[in-house]
Protein backbone atom coordinates (compact mmCIF):
# COMPACT_ATOMS: atom_id res chain seq x y z
CA MET A 1 0.00 0.00 0.00
CA SER A 2 1.48 3.38 -0.93
CA TRP A 3 1.14 6.66 0.88
CA ASN A 4 -1.61 7.94 -1.44
CA ASP A 5 -3.91 4.90 -1.45
CA HIS A 6 -4.27 4.37 2.26
CA ASP A 7 -7.59 3.41 3.80
CA HIS A 8 -9.23 5.31 6.64
CA ARG A 9 -12.10 2.83 6.98
CA GLY A 10 -10.16 0.03 8.59
CA GLU A 11 -7.61 -0.16 11.37
CA TYR A 12 -4.78 1.19 9.22
CA ALA A 13 -4.90 4.82 10.38
CA ASP A 14 -4.04 5.31 14.01
CA ALA A 15 -5.02 8.20 16.26
CA ARG A 16 -1.98 10.23 15.21
CA HIS A 17 -2.96 10.23 11.54
CA ASP A 18 -5.57 12.69 10.39
CA HIS A 19 -6.38 15.01 7.55
CA ARG A 20 -7.94 17.78 9.53
CA PHE A 21 -7.10 21.32 8.58
CA GLU A 22 -5.24 21.63 11.87
CA TYR A 23 -2.83 18.82 11.01
CA ALA A 24 0.12 21.14 10.38
CA GLU A 25 -0.82 23.29 13.34
CA ASP A 26 -0.87 20.22 15.59
CA ARG A 27 2.29 18.59 14.26
CA HIS A 28 4.85 21.17 13.12
CA ARG A 29 7.31 22.93 15.34
CA HIS A 30 6.40 26.48 16.22
CA TYR A 31 9.66 28.23 15.40
CA ASP A 32 8.14 31.68 15.89
CA LEU A 33 7.02 30.74 19.38
CA GLU A 34 10.38 29.14 20.13
CA THR A 35 12.19 32.25 18.95
CA ALA A 36 9.86 34.47 20.97
CA GLY A 37 10.47 32.28 24.02
CA GLU A 38 14.22 32.48 23.61
CA THR A 39 14.02 36.25 23.14
CA ALA A 40 11.85 36.53 26.24
CA GLN A 41 14.34 34.48 28.26
CA ARG A 42 17.20 36.77 27.13
CA ASP A 43 15.12 39.82 28.02
CA ILE A 44 14.32 38.37 31.44
CA ARG A 45 18.01 37.70 32.12
CA SER A 46 18.86 41.24 31.04
CA LEU A 47 16.12 42.74 33.21
CA ARG A 48 17.24 40.69 36.19
CA ALA A 49 20.79 42.00 35.73
CA ALA A 50 19.45 45.57 35.53
CA VAL A 51 17.42 45.02 38.71
CA ARG A 52 20.53 43.71 40.50
CA GLU A 53 22.45 46.83 39.44
CA LEU A 54 19.62 49.11 40.54
CA ARG A 55 19.33 47.28 43.86
CA ALA A 56 23.07 47.65 44.43
CA GLY A 57 22.79 51.38 43.69
CA LEU A 58 19.84 51.69 46.06
CA ASP A 59 21.69 49.81 48.80
CA ASP A 60 24.69 52.13 48.34
CA ALA A 61 22.45 55.21 48.49
CA LEU A 62 20.66 53.96 51.59
CA GLY A 63 24.01 53.28 53.25
CA ARG A 64 25.16 56.81 52.46
CA ILE A 65 21.90 58.24 53.84
CA ARG A 66 22.42 56.32 57.09
CA GLU A 67 25.97 57.68 57.31
CA LEU A 68 24.76 61.24 56.75
CA GLU A 69 21.96 60.87 59.28
CA ALA A 70 24.40 59.47 61.83
CA ALA A 71 26.81 62.35 61.19
CA HIS A 72 23.95 64.85 61.49
CA GLN A 73 22.80 63.30 64.77
CA ALA A 74 26.35 63.35 66.12
CA ASN A 75 26.64 67.01 65.14
CA ASP A 76 23.30 67.85 66.79
CA THR A 77 24.36 66.01 69.95
CA LYS A 78 27.71 67.81 70.00
CA GLU A 79 26.04 71.21 69.53
CA GLY A 80 23.43 70.41 72.20
CA LYS A 81 26.11 69.54 74.77
CA SER A 82 28.01 72.77 74.18
CA ARG A 83 24.97 74.96 74.80
C-alpha cells in the first residue's frame, strides 16, 4: 500500500494520523514561538541583571543616607552639649 492509497475505513490509520485542517498546526514545530520564548528568556536575564544593578545602587544610596543621618545626629548632639 502506498502513501496515497491508504484506507481510513479500517484499522490502518491510528489516532496520530488525520487530515484535519489543523494537522500542520498540531504537528509542526512552532519556530516563531520558540524564537519568541528564547528572546523573552534573554530579556528576562537582562532585566534581572538591571534590577541587580539598581538594587546595588539603592543599597549604596541607603548606606550613604544612614551615614549622613548618623553624622547629622552626632553634630546635633555635639552642639546640644556645648549649649
